[in-house]
Structures are given as C-alpha cells and as structure tokens.
Protein backbone atom coordinates (compact mmCIF):
# COMPACT_ATOMS: atom_id res chain seq x y z
CA MET A 1 71.69 110.10 -76.76
CA MET A 2 73.12 106.61 -77.44
CA LYS A 3 76.73 106.21 -76.25
CA GLN A 4 78.99 105.70 -79.19
CA PRO A 5 81.36 102.63 -79.08
CA GLY A 6 84.80 103.19 -78.08
CA PRO A 7 87.99 101.48 -78.57
CA GLU A 8 87.54 99.39 -75.41
CA ASN A 9 84.28 98.13 -76.69
CA ASP A 10 85.75 97.45 -80.09
CA LEU A 11 88.58 95.27 -78.37
CA SER A 12 86.24 93.58 -76.13
CA ALA A 13 83.98 92.54 -79.19
CA GLN A 14 87.10 91.30 -80.96
CA LEU A 15 88.59 89.32 -78.06
CA GLY A 16 85.38 88.02 -76.45
CA ASP A 17 86.74 88.93 -73.16
CA THR A 18 85.76 92.28 -71.31
CA GLU A 19 88.34 91.83 -68.51
CA ILE A 20 91.22 91.33 -70.82
CA ALA A 21 90.13 94.00 -73.23
CA THR A 22 89.90 96.63 -70.30
CA ASP A 23 93.57 95.48 -68.97
CA ALA A 24 94.89 96.11 -72.42
CA MET A 25 93.28 99.42 -72.61
CA THR A 26 94.89 100.27 -69.14
CA LEU A 27 98.33 99.05 -70.09
CA TRP A 28 98.04 101.11 -73.57
CA ARG A 29 96.89 104.30 -71.50
CA LYS A 30 99.78 104.00 -69.02
CA ALA A 31 102.31 103.66 -71.76
CA GLY A 32 101.02 106.58 -73.76
CA GLU A 33 100.04 107.16 -77.26
CA ARG A 34 103.37 108.22 -78.19
CA SER A 35 104.67 104.71 -77.31
CA GLY A 36 103.48 104.23 -81.04
CA ARG A 37 101.65 100.95 -80.05
CA ALA A 38 98.01 99.96 -80.37
CA PRO A 39 95.83 98.62 -77.59
CA ILE A 40 95.82 95.13 -79.37
CA ASP A 41 99.52 95.11 -78.68
CA TYR A 42 99.00 94.66 -75.12
CA VAL A 43 96.47 91.99 -75.24
CA GLU A 44 99.03 89.11 -74.57
CA GLU A 45 100.37 90.87 -71.30
CA ALA A 46 97.02 91.71 -70.38
CA ALA A 47 95.62 87.99 -70.73
CA GLN A 48 98.73 86.95 -68.49
CA ASN A 49 97.94 89.38 -65.88
CA VAL A 50 94.02 88.46 -66.03
CA GLY A 51 94.85 84.77 -65.94
CA ILE A 52 97.09 85.06 -62.69
CA ARG A 53 94.54 87.48 -61.17
CA ARG A 54 91.72 84.69 -61.88
CA VAL A 55 93.87 81.95 -60.52
CA MET A 56 94.28 83.95 -57.24
CA GLU A 57 90.79 84.76 -56.94
CA GLY A 58 90.07 81.22 -56.75
CA PHE A 59 91.59 80.56 -53.22
CA VAL A 60 90.29 81.75 -49.93
CA SER A 61 92.57 82.39 -46.99
CA LEU A 62 91.70 80.96 -43.72
CA GLY A 63 93.77 83.41 -41.93
CA GLU A 64 96.60 82.89 -39.47
CA ASN A 65 97.80 86.34 -40.78
CA CYS A 66 97.36 88.70 -43.96
CA GLU A 67 100.50 87.19 -45.90
CA PHE A 68 98.31 85.33 -48.49
CA GLY A 69 96.19 88.38 -48.84
CA PHE A 70 98.95 90.47 -49.69
CA ALA A 71 100.04 87.87 -52.36
CA GLN A 72 96.65 88.02 -53.83
CA ARG A 73 96.91 91.75 -53.99
CA ALA A 74 100.19 91.66 -55.63
CA CYS A 75 98.56 89.62 -58.38
CA GLY A 76 95.61 92.14 -58.87
CA ALA A 77 93.18 89.93 -56.92
CA GLU A 78 91.11 91.42 -54.32
CA PRO A 79 88.31 88.56 -53.15
CA LEU A 80 86.12 89.77 -50.27
CA ASP A 81 86.90 86.97 -47.90
CA LEU A 82 86.21 86.80 -44.12
CA LEU A 83 89.76 85.98 -42.93
CA ARG A 84 91.98 87.29 -45.76
CA TRP A 85 93.14 90.22 -43.33
CA ALA A 86 92.79 88.32 -40.15
CA SER A 87 94.76 86.89 -37.47
CA THR A 88 93.44 83.55 -36.69
CA PRO A 89 95.40 80.82 -34.93
CA LEU A 90 94.40 77.32 -35.70
CA ARG A 91 92.22 76.78 -32.42
CA VAL A 92 90.20 80.07 -33.40
CA LEU A 93 89.72 78.69 -36.99
CA LEU A 94 88.24 75.50 -35.79
CA ALA A 95 85.89 76.90 -33.34
CA MET A 96 84.42 79.35 -36.11
CA LEU A 97 84.15 76.33 -38.32
CA HIS A 98 82.64 74.16 -35.80
CA ASP A 99 80.10 76.84 -34.76
CA ARG A 100 79.31 77.73 -38.52
CA PHE A 101 80.52 81.34 -37.55
CA GLU A 102 77.33 81.73 -35.35
CA ASN A 103 77.09 85.32 -33.70
CA ILE A 104 80.16 86.40 -35.39
CA ASP A 105 78.65 89.80 -36.03
CA ALA A 106 77.15 90.37 -32.73
CA PRO A 107 77.84 94.02 -31.79
CA GLU A 108 78.80 93.08 -28.13
CA PHE A 109 81.60 91.04 -29.46
CA ILE A 110 83.20 93.74 -31.64
CA LYS A 111 85.79 95.85 -30.26
CA VAL A 112 87.56 98.62 -32.14
CA ARG A 113 90.88 99.78 -31.30
CA THR A 114 93.77 101.60 -32.84
CA ALA A 115 96.91 99.34 -34.01
CA ARG A 116 99.59 98.72 -31.67
CA THR A 117 102.34 99.40 -34.38
CA ASP A 118 100.32 102.34 -35.86
CA ALA A 119 98.05 104.59 -33.81
CA THR A 120 96.59 106.16 -36.85
CA GLU A 121 95.16 102.94 -38.11
CA TYR A 122 92.03 100.89 -36.70
CA MET A 123 92.13 97.34 -35.60
CA VAL A 124 89.17 95.34 -34.88
CA ASP A 125 88.72 92.45 -32.36
CA ASN A 126 86.14 89.74 -31.91
CA THR A 127 86.18 88.71 -28.28
CA ARG A 128 83.57 85.73 -29.03
CA TYR A 129 86.02 83.90 -31.25
CA LYS A 130 89.16 85.98 -30.14
CA PHE A 131 90.44 87.08 -33.52
CA SER A 132 91.45 90.45 -34.85
CA TRP A 133 91.72 92.05 -38.24
CA HIS A 134 92.80 95.23 -40.07
CA ALA A 135 90.04 97.69 -40.50
CA PHE A 136 92.00 99.54 -43.29
CA ALA A 137 90.58 102.86 -41.79
CA LYS A 138 92.45 105.80 -40.49
CA ALA A 139 91.43 107.27 -37.34
CA GLU A 140 91.66 110.90 -38.40
CA LEU A 141 88.98 109.88 -41.27
CA VAL A 142 86.41 107.96 -39.57
CA THR A 143 85.20 107.34 -36.02
CA ALA A 144 85.60 104.08 -34.08
CA GLU A 145 81.50 103.99 -33.94
CA GLU A 146 81.67 104.10 -37.76
CA VAL A 147 84.25 101.41 -37.80
CA HIS A 148 82.15 99.21 -35.41
CA LYS A 149 79.04 99.60 -37.41
CA ASN A 150 80.87 98.61 -40.71
CA ALA A 151 82.60 95.47 -39.13
CA CYS A 152 79.48 94.17 -37.83
CA LEU A 153 77.83 94.49 -41.29
CA ARG A 154 81.06 93.22 -42.85
CA LEU A 155 81.23 90.25 -40.69
CA ARG A 156 77.72 89.25 -41.32
CA ARG A 157 77.94 89.31 -45.13
CA LEU A 158 81.36 87.73 -45.45
CA ALA A 159 80.38 84.86 -42.89
CA GLU A 160 77.54 84.00 -45.20
CA LYS A 161 80.01 83.89 -48.17
CA MET A 162 82.27 81.76 -46.39
CA ARG A 163 79.71 79.33 -45.58
CA ASP A 164 78.58 79.32 -49.28
CA ASP A 165 82.09 78.74 -50.51
CA LEU A 166 82.67 75.98 -48.22
CA ALA A 167 79.22 74.39 -49.19
CA GLU A 168 79.97 75.00 -53.21
CA GLY A 169 83.59 73.79 -53.17
CA ARG A 170 84.64 75.82 -56.22
CA ARG A 171 87.32 77.68 -54.43
CA ILE A 172 90.42 76.20 -52.87
CA PHE A 173 91.14 77.14 -49.20
CA THR A 174 94.52 78.11 -47.97
CA LEU A 175 96.01 77.70 -44.71
CA LYS A 176 99.55 78.14 -43.16
CA GLY A 177 101.02 78.85 -39.56
CA PRO A 178 103.28 77.69 -37.03
CA GLN A 179 100.81 74.82 -36.08
CA VAL A 180 100.31 73.79 -39.52
CA ARG A 181 103.24 71.19 -40.31
CA ASN A 182 101.71 67.98 -41.89
CA ALA A 183 98.57 66.34 -42.97
CA ALA A 184 97.94 65.25 -39.48
CA SER A 185 98.15 68.70 -38.08
CA VAL A 186 95.34 69.95 -40.48
CA ALA A 187 93.06 66.92 -40.32
CA PRO A 188 90.67 68.62 -37.61
CA VAL A 189 90.20 71.53 -40.38
CA VAL A 190 89.60 69.16 -43.22
CA GLU A 191 87.03 67.36 -41.01
CA ALA A 192 85.35 70.47 -39.88
CA MET A 193 85.20 71.77 -43.43
CA ARG A 194 83.47 68.39 -44.79
CA ALA A 195 80.74 69.21 -42.66
CA TYR A 196 79.65 71.99 -45.02
CA GLY A 197 80.20 70.14 -48.25
CA GLN A 198 83.40 68.97 -50.63
CA ALA A 199 85.70 71.82 -50.13
CA ARG A 200 89.35 71.32 -50.52
CA LEU A 201 92.25 72.58 -48.44
CA LEU A 202 95.66 73.74 -49.50
CA PHE A 203 98.18 73.75 -46.72
CA VAL A 204 101.60 75.45 -47.02
CA THR A 205 104.63 74.46 -45.38
CA LEU A 206 108.37 75.29 -45.53
CA VAL A 207 110.07 73.34 -48.05
CA GLU A 208 111.30 69.72 -47.25
CA PRO A 209 114.00 67.67 -48.84
CA GLY A 210 112.80 66.13 -51.88
CA HIS A 211 110.71 69.33 -52.68
CA ASP A 212 111.32 72.52 -54.23
CA PRO A 213 109.73 75.91 -53.43
CA GLY A 214 106.37 76.27 -55.55
CA ASP A 215 105.86 72.20 -55.41
CA VAL A 216 102.39 70.90 -54.83
CA VAL A 217 101.41 67.46 -53.81
CA GLN A 218 98.10 66.02 -53.55
CA ILE A 219 97.63 63.94 -50.27
CA SER A 220 93.74 63.00 -50.88
CA ASP A 221 90.78 64.37 -53.05
CA HIS A 222 90.18 67.25 -50.30
CA LEU A 223 93.91 67.86 -49.36
CA LEU A 224 97.03 69.19 -50.90
CA GLN A 225 100.27 70.31 -49.62
CA GLY A 226 102.55 73.31 -51.12
CA PHE A 227 105.90 73.93 -50.37
CA ILE A 228 107.59 77.54 -49.75
CA SER A 229 111.20 78.76 -49.16
CA ARG A 230 110.12 81.11 -46.45
CA PHE A 231 107.14 83.08 -45.08
CA SER A 232 106.80 86.74 -44.67
CA ASP A 233 108.48 88.97 -41.76
CA PRO A 234 105.28 89.19 -39.30
CA ALA A 235 106.58 92.77 -38.63
CA ARG A 236 106.67 93.68 -42.48
CA VAL A 237 104.25 91.43 -44.17
CA PRO A 238 103.57 93.42 -47.31
CA GLY A 239 107.07 93.99 -48.24
CA THR A 240 108.58 90.48 -47.34
CA THR A 241 105.54 88.03 -48.78
CA PRO A 242 107.26 85.62 -51.36
CA VAL A 243 104.67 86.66 -54.16
CA GLU A 244 106.20 84.68 -56.83
CA GLU A 245 106.15 81.39 -54.92
CA TRP A 246 102.68 81.86 -53.85
CA ARG A 247 101.62 82.64 -57.28
CA THR A 248 103.28 79.33 -58.47
CA ILE A 249 101.73 77.18 -55.65
CA CYS A 250 98.43 78.37 -56.29
CA ALA A 251 99.02 77.80 -60.21
CA MET A 252 99.94 74.35 -59.42
CA ALA A 253 97.16 73.60 -57.11
CA LYS A 254 94.49 74.69 -59.62
CA ARG A 255 95.97 72.63 -62.40
CA ILE A 256 95.89 69.52 -59.88
CA CYS A 257 92.26 70.17 -58.92
CA GLY A 258 91.13 71.12 -62.37
C-alpha cells in the first residue's frame, strides 16, 4: 500500500527544505496541538536552528579537549570527526598530521580503561600517538573487548574522513589550547595541513586588547584567529563551555571564508 503524504511531507514540499520542515514539525509536536499554532508557524525558528547547525557542522575540531565538540552539540550539530572528543596536545596533533594518521587503528596501540573521574565510563588511549578520547560507553552495558573492537573500526573510518576533509578544504579546522597563542605558534600546523590540500585553520585564543569576544580576523588565505572571553573548566567542560561565543566565532569565520 502506498504511504499517504503527511503534514511533514506537505511542509517539506512547500519549503523545499526537508531539514527545516522536520525541525518545524518537531517544534510543533513539542508545543502540542493545544498551542493553537500550526507547523508553518515554527518555520522561522526552525530555519534559525538549522542555519546554526549547518554552520557548526562546517567545522572540524583538532582536539586539545572536547570543548568545541560540546559547543557543536549545544547547537544541534553532531559531525563524526576523529578528534572531536579527544585530548590531543599540539605535539600529538603534529605527529598525526605528519604521519598521515598511519597505523592509528592498529589494535596493539589501542587500550581501553575506565575514566579516572568516573569508573562507570570507558576511555580509550592510543599508545602510538599518545592521545585519549571518550568512548561514551558504560562499563555495565558493554565489555572492554567490545569497546576495543569498535574503537579500531571507528579510528580507521574517521582517519580516512579526516584525510578527505583536509584534502577537500570545504570545512574549517578549529584549534585551541595552552600552546596556541598566536599565528607563529600554529604555523607548523598550517604547514602540515597544506601537505594535504587547501584546508583552512581557525585558531582561537583569549580576547586581546582591541578585540571583543566573538571577533575573528583573517591572517592569511588559510589562517584565521578567533577571540573568546574564556575557555571551559577542564573538570566541567559540558556545563562551562561558552557556547554563544563559539557560535559567534564560527558564524563570523564562515562569513569570512564564504
């Protein structure tokens, strides 16, 4: 039997944008039919949400910690990226870039453990490149062996995706951290990225005199600097990430890059 078109299909056809239509329908259902409003009344809000999400999906975290990953999540963006939830010091990032992420998924280099701050959650360590990331898996639900297997598969796929993103240059790569201070401090990263293609780097530092939080300046065709009032508390990243400032920085960087 052929499925009859529903209100979501009708709205999608009317708008010409399935994603906005789906978001508008979700907002309408959350409000409830007793709100007296129709799905079309939520289109403007949905369009804003989708626009923000699309902007944030256009950026790739180069790690340091998971702050930018949580900023993306708060904006509804959930890109699958290699270092989004990883702790990657600058030297580790450079080693991976120079090695083209070779053997990043080798099983002998992948170690699973419970988190130091939460014994119920797994963390994964890569001993070749010496970086760690959240497995987002609970010890009472899955075994360490399952986490290990999934981690190897995940690393292989996402390393390939990272190389593709670097080569294509459509997304903007984002970097922050204690060693990220100025253009000179990230010059080795820019050079390593150029070996793949024409990718652009946005590095974010604490605000300086003459700039406001959310400002972005273009230093060269492949390098931008963003300014933020503060970074998250490492012990409480999800709740202390300055999401609005990250959103403003990304929107500005996107406008600059076109």
